[in-house]
Amino acid sequence: MIAAAGPRAEPLDERVLVIDVPARATRDARVRDLPSVLARGDLLVVNDAATIPASLDGRAADRRVELRLLARDRDDATWRAVLFGDRDWRTRTEDRPAPPRLDVGARIAIDDLSATVIALDVLSPRLVVVRFDRSGAALWSALYRLGRPVQYAHVAEPLELWAAQTPYASRPWAVEQPSAGRPLQFRVLSALRARGVDIASLTHAAGLSATGDAALDAALPLAERYDIPAATVDAIARAKRRGARVVAAGTTVARALEGCFAAHGALVAGEGTTDLHIDGSLRLRVVDAILTGLHEPTASHFELLQAFAPLPLLRAAYAHAERAGYTNHEFGDSSLILAAPRV
């Protein structure tokens, strides 16, 4: 499939490959068709995390580096982050030169903002914990002034931060856009409600999707924060009681819900952190269906999809998508995998 080079003018016209697991069938649709594809009583759960400008250019050890934020600690001056060498997003992550190896105590200068390395991760010396020289409103003001959204070489032009947001973005938690929700404009959400599809939300701190470091990429996604409101827990319980499907708008929603259940043996409201890896071996306990982007069959994303559909069906669906000219990656077309409700 060809990678979409950027946001498109009319998200509701973007394509959706519907994969019907019980029927072992696929069909073509558009985002605007979702109200006729989902059933009355289904529950769509979205991730309302806003995307922050998590890419910061700086200098360390007399060399240019890029610091990509990965996850915020409870102390908002402290972040887990990944270092990149010289060059920028126009160069594929796997082709970028390695950054200088920084020791604990090394300083990264980002214009007038400073970050000090306070820990190195055993996974890779590029995975660091940094503490900024300010916190609270002063730090957030600097991040939004100096940072830009994370982007990759298949995107043709520099991204504005607005282009990396879902329509219903709320709290600034995500370092990359929860892209499955990007085409869910308020027009289609209103049409879904009119159809009788319920909508609920949670917040999940979507992390980086790639670093170019083989060891790091094999470990992604790393542990990520989530916050599930009591109203969403109640909405899921009602959907289960009426035998309806819980549809995750994106892998981050699936990870938050299934990670919460795995940690507690039940779905509970509140904040948590999950390092759950979803693949075909996992028995899903909460989510019945998923709306998600299209990615290469070799990606970890494809492993996650095998929790929702058997591999032969996924391969056949992706072969159809290739022949039909679907596009992939975060600004590309979508797939909707529909399974029978789990009660």
Protein backbone atom coordinates (compact mmCIF):
# COMPACT_ATOMS: atom_id res chain seq x y z
CA MET A 1 0.00 0.00 0.00
CA ILE A 2 1.07 3.59 -0.58
CA ALA A 3 1.62 5.76 2.50
CA ALA A 4 -0.68 8.77 2.70
CA ALA A 5 1.46 11.91 2.48
CA GLY A 6 -0.64 14.10 4.76
CA PRO A 7 -4.10 15.12 5.95
CA ARG A 8 -6.86 15.06 3.37
CA ALA A 9 -9.45 17.74 2.76
CA GLU A 10 -12.54 15.61 3.50
CA PRO A 11 -11.97 12.94 6.15
CA LEU A 12 -15.53 11.58 5.79
CA ASP A 13 -14.67 10.44 2.24
CA GLU A 14 -11.72 8.36 3.43
CA ARG A 15 -12.09 4.64 2.88
CA VAL A 16 -12.84 2.01 5.49
CA LEU A 17 -12.14 -1.67 4.87
CA VAL A 18 -14.82 -3.53 6.84
CA ILE A 19 -13.69 -6.98 7.97
CA ASP A 20 -16.63 -9.07 9.16
CA VAL A 21 -15.12 -11.85 11.24
CA PRO A 22 -18.23 -14.05 11.77
CA ALA A 23 -19.01 -13.89 8.02
CA ARG A 24 -15.34 -14.26 7.02
CA ALA A 25 -15.92 -11.45 4.54
CA THR A 26 -14.70 -7.96 3.66
CA ARG A 27 -16.36 -5.00 2.03
CA ASP A 28 -15.51 -1.41 1.12
CA ALA A 29 -17.05 1.60 2.83
CA ARG A 30 -16.33 5.22 3.65
CA VAL A 31 -16.03 6.97 7.01
CA ARG A 32 -19.39 8.64 6.33
CA ASP A 33 -20.94 5.14 6.10
CA LEU A 34 -20.09 4.18 9.69
CA PRO A 35 -23.63 4.88 10.98
CA SER A 36 -24.94 2.18 8.63
CA VAL A 37 -22.10 -0.24 9.39
CA LEU A 38 -22.33 -0.19 13.19
CA ALA A 39 -25.50 -1.47 14.83
CA ARG A 40 -27.97 0.31 17.08
CA GLY A 41 -26.83 -0.21 20.64
CA ASP A 42 -23.12 -0.56 19.81
CA LEU A 43 -20.73 1.53 21.93
CA LEU A 44 -17.88 3.43 20.27
CA VAL A 45 -15.07 4.36 22.68
CA VAL A 46 -12.65 7.11 21.60
CA ASN A 47 -9.33 8.36 22.95
CA ASP A 48 -9.60 12.08 23.70
CA ALA A 49 -5.88 12.66 24.35
CA ALA A 50 -4.55 15.78 22.63
CA THR A 51 -1.21 15.52 20.81
CA ILE A 52 1.61 17.61 22.25
CA PRO A 53 4.56 19.07 20.27
CA ALA A 54 6.86 16.26 21.42
CA SER A 55 9.74 16.78 18.97
CA LEU A 56 12.42 19.16 20.27
CA ASP A 57 15.61 20.22 18.45
CA GLY A 58 18.63 20.82 20.63
CA ARG A 59 22.34 20.40 21.13
CA ALA A 60 24.23 17.97 23.34
CA ALA A 61 27.93 17.06 23.45
CA ASP A 62 28.49 19.77 20.78
CA ARG A 63 26.24 17.97 18.34
CA ARG A 64 22.76 18.59 17.04
CA VAL A 65 20.18 16.17 18.44
CA GLU A 66 16.44 15.71 18.43
CA LEU A 67 14.70 14.80 21.67
CA ARG A 68 11.35 13.06 21.19
CA LEU A 69 9.31 12.92 24.35
CA LEU A 70 7.87 9.51 25.12
CA ALA A 71 6.05 9.63 28.45
CA ARG A 72 5.64 12.12 31.30
CA ASP A 73 6.41 11.17 34.87
CA ARG A 74 4.06 12.18 37.68
CA ASP A 75 6.45 15.09 38.17
CA ASP A 76 5.76 16.99 34.96
CA ALA A 77 9.36 18.24 34.72
CA THR A 78 10.56 14.63 34.29
CA TRP A 79 10.06 12.75 31.01
CA ARG A 80 11.14 9.54 29.38
CA ALA A 81 12.42 10.40 25.91
CA VAL A 82 14.26 9.05 22.87
CA LEU A 83 17.34 10.71 21.35
CA PHE A 84 17.82 11.03 17.60
CA GLY A 85 20.96 12.08 15.75
CA ASP A 86 21.37 14.90 13.24
CA ARG A 87 18.96 15.40 10.33
CA ASP A 88 15.21 15.66 10.73
CA TRP A 89 11.92 13.91 9.94
CA ARG A 90 12.63 14.06 6.19
CA THR A 91 15.12 11.21 6.74
CA ARG A 92 13.66 7.83 7.62
CA THR A 93 14.15 7.01 11.28
CA GLU A 94 16.14 3.86 10.43
CA ASP A 95 18.50 5.92 8.22
CA ARG A 96 19.29 8.67 10.69
CA PRO A 97 22.76 8.74 12.29
CA ALA A 98 23.02 7.70 15.91
CA PRO A 99 23.00 10.46 18.50
CA PRO A 100 26.00 10.99 20.79
CA ARG A 101 25.99 8.70 23.79
CA LEU A 102 25.06 10.85 26.76
CA ASP A 103 25.91 10.03 30.35
CA VAL A 104 23.85 10.83 33.41
CA GLY A 105 24.28 14.53 34.09
CA ALA A 106 24.62 15.52 30.42
CA ARG A 107 22.76 18.66 29.42
CA ILE A 108 20.61 19.09 26.32
CA ALA A 109 20.14 22.72 25.30
CA ILE A 110 16.86 23.41 23.49
CA ASP A 111 17.06 27.14 22.80
CA ASP A 112 16.46 28.69 26.25
CA LEU A 113 15.05 25.41 27.62
CA SER A 114 17.43 22.93 29.25
CA ALA A 115 17.03 19.21 29.95
CA THR A 116 19.41 17.13 32.08
CA VAL A 117 19.80 13.37 31.63
CA ILE A 118 19.04 11.71 34.97
CA ALA A 119 18.85 8.06 33.88
CA LEU A 120 19.63 5.72 30.96
CA ASP A 121 17.45 2.74 30.09
CA VAL A 122 18.93 -0.75 29.72
CA LEU A 123 17.01 -1.22 26.46
CA SER A 124 19.09 1.37 24.64
CA PRO A 125 21.37 4.32 25.50
CA ARG A 126 19.08 6.37 23.28
CA LEU A 127 16.23 5.84 25.75
CA VAL A 128 16.78 8.40 28.49
CA VAL A 129 15.01 10.05 31.38
CA VAL A 130 15.42 13.83 31.41
CA ARG A 131 14.48 16.57 33.85
CA PHE A 132 13.70 19.98 32.43
CA ASP A 133 14.85 23.16 34.14
CA ARG A 134 11.26 24.27 34.74
CA SER A 135 7.85 22.74 35.36
CA GLY A 136 4.16 23.57 35.28
CA ALA A 137 2.96 26.39 33.05
CA ALA A 138 6.52 27.57 32.34
CA LEU A 139 7.49 24.17 30.92
CA TRP A 140 4.31 23.73 28.89
CA SER A 141 4.70 27.22 27.45
CA ALA A 142 8.26 26.37 26.37
CA LEU A 143 7.24 23.02 24.85
CA TYR A 144 4.51 24.61 22.76
CA ARG A 145 6.84 27.44 21.71
CA LEU A 146 9.85 25.31 20.79
CA GLY A 147 8.42 21.89 19.89
CA ARG A 148 6.65 20.49 16.88
CA PRO A 149 4.55 17.36 16.36
CA VAL A 150 6.38 14.08 15.74
CA GLN A 151 6.26 13.13 12.09
CA TYR A 152 7.85 10.65 9.71
CA ALA A 153 9.47 10.72 6.27
CA HIS A 154 6.38 9.57 4.36
CA VAL A 155 4.62 12.84 5.29
CA ALA A 156 5.33 15.36 2.55
CA GLU A 157 5.24 18.68 4.40
CA PRO A 158 6.01 19.94 7.91
CA LEU A 159 2.99 19.28 10.10
CA GLU A 160 1.14 21.96 11.97
CA LEU A 161 0.08 20.87 15.43
CA TRP A 162 -3.62 21.19 14.55
CA ALA A 163 -3.16 18.53 11.85
CA ALA A 164 -2.04 16.02 14.49
CA GLN A 165 -5.22 16.28 16.58
CA THR A 166 -8.47 14.35 16.67
CA PRO A 167 -11.61 16.54 16.48
CA TYR A 168 -12.42 15.88 20.15
CA ALA A 169 -8.88 16.23 21.56
CA SER A 170 -8.85 17.25 25.21
CA ARG A 171 -6.01 16.71 27.69
CA PRO A 172 -2.42 17.00 26.32
CA TRP A 173 -1.26 13.44 26.94
CA ALA A 174 -0.31 11.92 23.56
CA VAL A 175 3.14 12.28 21.98
CA GLU A 176 1.77 10.96 18.68
CA GLN A 177 -1.73 11.43 17.36
CA PRO A 178 -4.26 8.70 18.29
CA SER A 179 -4.78 8.54 14.54
CA ALA A 180 -7.72 6.13 14.33
CA GLY A 181 -9.95 8.91 15.63
CA ARG A 182 -8.66 11.54 13.20
CA PRO A 183 -11.45 11.08 10.57
CA LEU A 184 -14.24 10.93 13.17
CA GLN A 185 -15.57 14.40 12.52
CA PHE A 186 -18.48 15.68 14.60
CA ARG A 187 -20.80 15.19 11.62
CA VAL A 188 -20.27 11.43 11.65
CA LEU A 189 -20.33 11.26 15.45
CA SER A 190 -23.71 13.05 15.44
CA ALA A 191 -24.97 10.64 12.79
CA LEU A 192 -23.81 7.68 14.88
CA ARG A 193 -25.70 8.98 17.90
CA ALA A 194 -28.80 9.49 15.77
CA ARG A 195 -28.46 5.88 14.62
CA GLY A 196 -28.48 4.73 18.25
CA VAL A 197 -24.74 4.11 18.64
CA ASP A 198 -23.48 5.28 22.04
CA ILE A 199 -20.16 7.13 22.32
CA ALA A 200 -17.84 7.20 25.33
CA SER A 201 -14.28 8.38 25.87
CA LEU A 202 -11.10 7.69 27.78
CA THR A 203 -7.64 9.28 27.77
CA HIS A 204 -4.59 7.25 26.78
CA ALA A 205 -1.07 8.65 26.39
CA ALA A 206 -0.30 7.35 22.91
CA GLY A 207 3.46 6.87 22.58
CA LEU A 208 5.97 6.75 19.75
CA SER A 209 5.31 4.29 16.93
CA ALA A 210 8.91 3.99 15.69
CA THR A 211 12.43 5.06 16.61
CA GLY A 212 14.67 3.40 14.02
CA ASP A 213 16.44 1.53 16.83
CA ALA A 214 15.78 -2.20 16.38
CA ALA A 215 15.90 -3.00 20.10
CA LEU A 216 13.61 -0.14 21.01
CA ASP A 217 11.16 -0.75 18.18
CA ALA A 218 10.86 -4.41 19.19
CA ALA A 219 9.84 -3.27 22.68
CA LEU A 220 7.24 -0.74 21.56
CA PRO A 221 4.76 0.18 22.80
CA LEU A 222 6.31 0.84 26.19
CA ALA A 223 4.22 1.38 29.31
CA GLU A 224 1.63 4.13 28.79
CA ARG A 225 -0.77 6.00 31.07
CA TYR A 226 -4.53 5.90 30.77
CA ASP A 227 -7.54 7.36 32.55
CA ILE A 228 -10.93 5.67 32.23
CA PRO A 229 -13.91 7.73 33.50
CA ALA A 230 -16.60 6.07 35.61
CA ALA A 231 -19.14 7.06 32.94
CA THR A 232 -17.23 5.00 30.36
CA VAL A 233 -17.04 1.97 32.65
CA ASP A 234 -20.82 2.25 33.15
CA ALA A 235 -21.45 2.63 29.41
CA ILE A 236 -19.42 -0.52 28.68
CA ALA A 237 -21.32 -2.46 31.35
CA ARG A 238 -24.64 -1.40 29.81
CA ALA A 239 -23.46 -2.42 26.33
CA LYS A 240 -22.42 -5.84 27.64
CA ARG A 241 -25.78 -6.33 29.36
CA ARG A 242 -27.70 -5.65 26.16
CA GLY A 243 -25.41 -7.89 24.09
CA ALA A 244 -23.99 -5.04 22.04
CA ARG A 245 -20.45 -4.55 20.74
CA VAL A 246 -17.80 -2.38 22.34
CA VAL A 247 -15.91 -0.78 19.45
CA ALA A 248 -12.47 0.69 20.15
CA ALA A 249 -11.54 3.72 18.04
CA GLY A 250 -7.89 2.81 17.83
CA THR A 251 -5.32 0.52 19.37
CA THR A 252 -4.77 2.94 22.26
CA VAL A 253 -8.38 2.49 23.38
CA ALA A 254 -8.06 -1.29 23.13
CA ARG A 255 -4.82 -1.22 25.11
CA ALA A 256 -6.26 0.97 27.87
CA LEU A 257 -9.41 -1.14 28.31
CA GLU A 258 -7.77 -4.55 28.01
CA GLY A 259 -4.77 -3.43 30.08
CA CYS A 260 -7.05 -2.21 32.85
CA PHE A 261 -8.97 -5.50 32.86
CA ALA A 262 -5.74 -7.52 32.90
CA ALA A 263 -4.44 -5.53 35.87
CA HIS A 264 -7.59 -5.63 37.98
CA GLY A 265 -9.58 -8.63 36.79
CA ALA A 266 -12.37 -6.20 35.96
CA LEU A 267 -12.84 -2.83 34.31
CA VAL A 268 -12.41 -0.10 36.93
CA ALA A 269 -12.51 3.68 36.68
CA GLY A 270 -9.46 5.83 37.26
CA GLU A 271 -5.86 6.31 36.18
CA GLY A 272 -3.39 3.52 35.56
CA THR A 273 -0.41 2.42 33.47
CA THR A 274 -0.33 -0.54 31.14
CA ASP A 275 2.46 -2.44 29.43
CA LEU A 276 0.04 -5.00 27.96
CA HIS A 277 1.10 -6.41 24.60
CA ILE A 278 -1.94 -7.40 22.56
CA ASP A 279 -1.55 -10.12 19.95
CA GLY A 280 -3.33 -13.24 18.75
CA SER A 281 -2.60 -15.12 21.95
CA LEU A 282 -4.57 -12.68 24.11
CA ARG A 283 -8.18 -13.41 24.99
CA LEU A 284 -9.96 -10.07 24.71
CA ARG A 285 -12.24 -9.38 27.65
CA VAL A 286 -13.71 -5.95 26.91
CA VAL A 287 -13.36 -4.89 23.27
CA ASP A 288 -15.30 -6.63 20.49
CA ALA A 289 -14.36 -4.56 17.44
CA ILE A 290 -11.72 -2.06 16.42
CA LEU A 291 -11.50 0.89 14.04
CA THR A 292 -7.86 1.38 13.15
CA GLY A 293 -5.47 2.44 10.44
CA LEU A 294 -3.80 0.22 7.87
CA HIS A 295 -0.14 -0.67 8.46
CA GLU A 296 2.46 -3.01 7.02
CA PRO A 297 1.78 -6.68 7.78
CA THR A 298 5.22 -6.89 9.41
CA ALA A 299 4.42 -4.21 12.00
CA SER A 300 3.52 -4.91 15.64
CA HIS A 301 0.20 -3.27 14.82
CA PHE A 302 -0.62 -6.27 12.63
CA GLU A 303 0.11 -8.61 15.55
CA LEU A 304 -2.46 -6.70 17.60
CA LEU A 305 -5.11 -7.16 14.91
CA GLN A 306 -4.75 -10.93 15.24
CA ALA A 307 -6.51 -10.65 18.61
CA PHE A 308 -9.59 -9.57 16.64
CA ALA A 309 -9.45 -11.66 13.47
CA PRO A 310 -7.70 -14.83 12.26
CA LEU A 311 -4.52 -14.33 10.28
CA PRO A 312 -5.82 -15.81 6.97
CA LEU A 313 -8.75 -13.38 6.98
CA LEU A 314 -6.46 -10.44 7.75
CA ARG A 315 -4.09 -11.43 4.95
CA ALA A 316 -6.96 -11.72 2.48
CA ALA A 317 -8.36 -8.35 3.59
CA TYR A 318 -4.98 -6.64 3.24
CA ALA A 319 -4.47 -8.20 -0.20
CA HIS A 320 -7.82 -6.72 -1.24
CA ALA A 321 -6.82 -3.34 0.20
CA GLU A 322 -3.59 -3.43 -1.80
CA ARG A 323 -5.43 -4.23 -5.04
CA ALA A 324 -8.09 -1.60 -4.37
CA GLY A 325 -5.60 1.21 -3.77
CA TYR A 326 -6.08 1.85 -0.07
CA THR A 327 -3.47 4.06 1.61
CA ASN A 328 -1.79 3.41 4.93
CA HIS A 329 -0.10 5.06 7.93
CA GLU A 330 -1.52 7.77 10.19
CA PHE A 331 -3.15 9.87 7.46
CA GLY A 332 -4.26 6.87 5.41
CA ASP A 333 -7.44 4.85 5.14
CA SER A 334 -8.95 2.75 7.93
CA SER A 335 -10.10 -0.75 8.68
CA LEU A 336 -13.00 -1.80 10.90
CA ILE A 337 -12.79 -5.31 12.30
CA LEU A 338 -16.18 -6.51 13.54
CA ALA A 339 -16.47 -9.60 15.72
CA ALA A 340 -19.40 -11.02 17.64
CA PRO A 341 -20.09 -9.31 21.01
CA ARG A 342 -18.40 -10.75 24.10
CA VAL A 343 -20.78 -10.75 27.03
